[in-house]
Structures are given as C-alpha cells and as structure tokens.
Amino acid sequence: MTDAQAQAPRIQRREVWVDLPAEYPGFRARVWVNPPSKLWASLGGGDKVKQIEAVTKIVIEHNGWLDYDGSEYPSPDTEAFWDAIPDELCAVLLTVIQKKMGDLPNSLIPRGRR
C-alpha cells in the first residue's frame, strides 16, 4: 500500500439488522446496505446464478429462522438457504433490503427539476 493509499478515504461497509413486516413476527436479518451497484443490479437480472451469488453476499445472517417443521434454515450466505425459504419470504426480505438501502440521507437522493 502506498502512502497516498494509506491516507485516502476508504468507504466503510454498512451492515444493519432489519426487521421483516408483521407477517413475519420476530424475523430479522443482517444485511449489507451499501454493496457495489453491480451486486444489486444482479438481483434484478434474469441470470439465476448471478442472483444467488449477489444475494448470498448482501444478506449476511438471520436470527435463527425456523421452517414449518421447526428446523433452522441454513445461513443466508448459502444457496441452500435461498432454495429452502418460501418465495414470499424471499420477496419480502428483498423489499425490506431495498427500502433500507433507500434510507440514505435525502441529500444523496437525486432530485428532479422544479
């Protein structure tokens, strides 16, 4: 690392715990809310492999979620987790993450002309 690199500002990875809505009481997940744009863009693409790679990096952990039979779901950094959870739960989680990512200070949100 050069002296210039040592003194340069470095972006910090922001990880936060998010609560899922009332339909999933007690469900929480720790997520990376400022990932590179290419990771977030991969979630909306049609490439299933890239979607799984992205989501396993963005969702870091859950607070012990249990399935219908009372067995704990795998860690969300594995493909097994995303194969095991219901599609509705996946959609809710991604919606919560997107909202949390949008909670940046208003000064950073682009505004239209008046």
Protein backbone atom coordinates (compact mmCIF):
# COMPACT_ATOMS: atom_id res chain seq x y z
CA MET A 1 0.00 0.00 0.00
CA THR A 2 1.40 3.39 -0.95
CA ASP A 3 1.43 6.42 1.35
CA ALA A 4 -1.28 8.01 -0.79
CA GLN A 5 -3.47 4.93 -0.45
CA ALA A 6 -2.92 4.83 3.30
CA GLN A 7 -4.16 8.43 3.59
CA ALA A 8 -7.02 8.18 1.09
CA PRO A 9 -10.60 7.92 2.38
CA ARG A 10 -11.99 4.41 2.27
CA ILE A 11 -15.66 3.56 2.04
CA GLN A 12 -16.95 1.64 5.02
CA ARG A 13 -19.13 -1.40 4.59
CA ARG A 14 -22.50 -0.66 6.22
CA GLU A 15 -24.24 -3.69 7.72
CA VAL A 16 -27.50 -3.31 9.61
CA TRP A 17 -30.15 -5.52 11.16
CA VAL A 18 -33.56 -5.15 9.52
CA ASP A 19 -36.94 -6.30 10.80
CA LEU A 20 -39.37 -8.00 8.47
CA PRO A 21 -43.01 -6.83 8.44
CA ALA A 22 -45.73 -8.03 10.80
CA GLU A 23 -46.50 -11.08 8.63
CA TYR A 24 -43.14 -12.43 9.81
CA PRO A 25 -43.03 -11.52 13.51
CA GLY A 26 -39.57 -11.63 15.04
CA PHE A 27 -37.81 -12.28 11.73
CA ARG A 28 -34.63 -10.18 11.46
CA ALA A 29 -31.70 -10.25 9.07
CA ARG A 30 -28.32 -8.57 8.97
CA VAL A 31 -27.75 -7.08 5.53
CA TRP A 32 -25.09 -5.17 3.63
CA VAL A 33 -26.88 -1.96 2.64
CA ASN A 34 -24.15 -0.29 0.57
CA PRO A 35 -22.92 -3.09 -1.72
CA PRO A 36 -21.44 -2.31 -5.13
CA SER A 37 -24.09 -1.42 -7.70
CA LYS A 38 -23.28 -4.48 -9.78
CA LEU A 39 -24.36 -6.76 -6.91
CA TRP A 40 -27.71 -5.04 -6.51
CA ALA A 41 -28.21 -4.98 -10.31
CA SER A 42 -27.57 -8.72 -10.44
CA LEU A 43 -30.63 -9.32 -8.26
CA GLY A 44 -32.95 -7.92 -10.92
CA GLY A 45 -31.36 -9.69 -13.86
CA GLY A 46 -32.52 -12.96 -15.34
CA ASP A 47 -29.34 -14.88 -14.56
CA LYS A 48 -30.20 -17.17 -11.62
CA VAL A 49 -26.53 -17.93 -10.86
CA LYS A 50 -25.66 -14.22 -10.60
CA GLN A 51 -28.78 -13.58 -8.49
CA ILE A 52 -27.78 -16.25 -5.97
CA GLU A 53 -24.17 -15.04 -5.88
CA ALA A 54 -25.36 -11.47 -5.18
CA VAL A 55 -27.97 -12.26 -2.55
CA THR A 56 -25.62 -14.56 -0.62
CA LYS A 57 -23.25 -11.60 -0.28
CA ILE A 58 -25.91 -9.00 0.59
CA VAL A 59 -27.82 -10.99 3.24
CA ILE A 60 -25.29 -11.93 5.90
CA GLU A 61 -27.23 -13.70 8.64
CA HIS A 62 -30.65 -14.25 10.17
CA ASN A 63 -31.70 -14.50 13.80
CA GLY A 64 -32.39 -18.24 13.84
CA TRP A 65 -35.30 -18.51 11.41
CA LEU A 66 -37.17 -21.80 11.61
CA ASP A 67 -39.03 -23.60 8.83
CA TYR A 68 -42.54 -25.10 9.01
CA ASP A 69 -41.21 -28.14 10.89
CA GLY A 70 -39.18 -26.14 13.43
CA SER A 71 -35.80 -26.78 11.82
CA GLU A 72 -33.44 -23.83 11.48
CA TYR A 73 -32.88 -22.55 7.97
CA PRO A 74 -29.32 -22.64 6.69
CA SER A 75 -27.21 -19.49 6.73
CA PRO A 76 -28.27 -16.96 4.05
CA ASP A 77 -24.76 -16.91 2.62
CA THR A 78 -25.52 -20.34 1.12
CA GLU A 79 -27.59 -21.34 -1.87
CA ALA A 80 -29.33 -23.91 0.37
CA PHE A 81 -30.99 -21.07 2.33
CA TRP A 82 -32.45 -19.48 -0.81
CA ASP A 83 -33.68 -22.86 -2.06
CA ALA A 84 -35.31 -23.60 1.31
CA ILE A 85 -37.22 -20.39 2.12
CA PRO A 86 -40.63 -19.69 0.58
CA ASP A 87 -40.70 -17.33 -2.42
CA GLU A 88 -42.89 -14.91 -0.44
CA LEU A 89 -40.29 -14.67 2.34
CA CYS A 90 -37.56 -14.07 -0.23
CA ALA A 91 -39.60 -11.29 -1.87
CA VAL A 92 -40.37 -9.66 1.49
CA LEU A 93 -36.72 -9.77 2.52
CA LEU A 94 -35.55 -8.21 -0.75
CA THR A 95 -38.21 -5.49 -0.47
CA VAL A 96 -37.09 -4.65 3.08
CA ILE A 97 -33.46 -4.50 1.93
CA GLN A 98 -34.33 -2.22 -0.97
CA LYS A 99 -36.23 0.10 1.35
CA LYS A 100 -33.34 0.17 3.82
CA MET A 101 -30.90 0.98 1.02
CA GLY A 102 -33.19 3.88 0.10
CA ASP A 103 -32.96 5.32 3.61
CA LEU A 104 -29.81 7.27 2.72
CA PRO A 105 -29.81 10.94 3.64
CA ASN A 106 -32.08 12.99 1.39
CA SER A 107 -29.10 14.97 0.16
CA LEU A 108 -27.85 11.90 -1.67
CA ILE A 109 -31.09 11.16 -3.47
CA PRO A 110 -31.26 12.67 -6.98
CA ARG A 111 -33.98 15.27 -7.34
CA GLY A 112 -35.89 16.36 -10.44
CA ARG A 113 -36.03 19.98 -11.54
CA ARG A 114 -38.85 22.12 -10.25
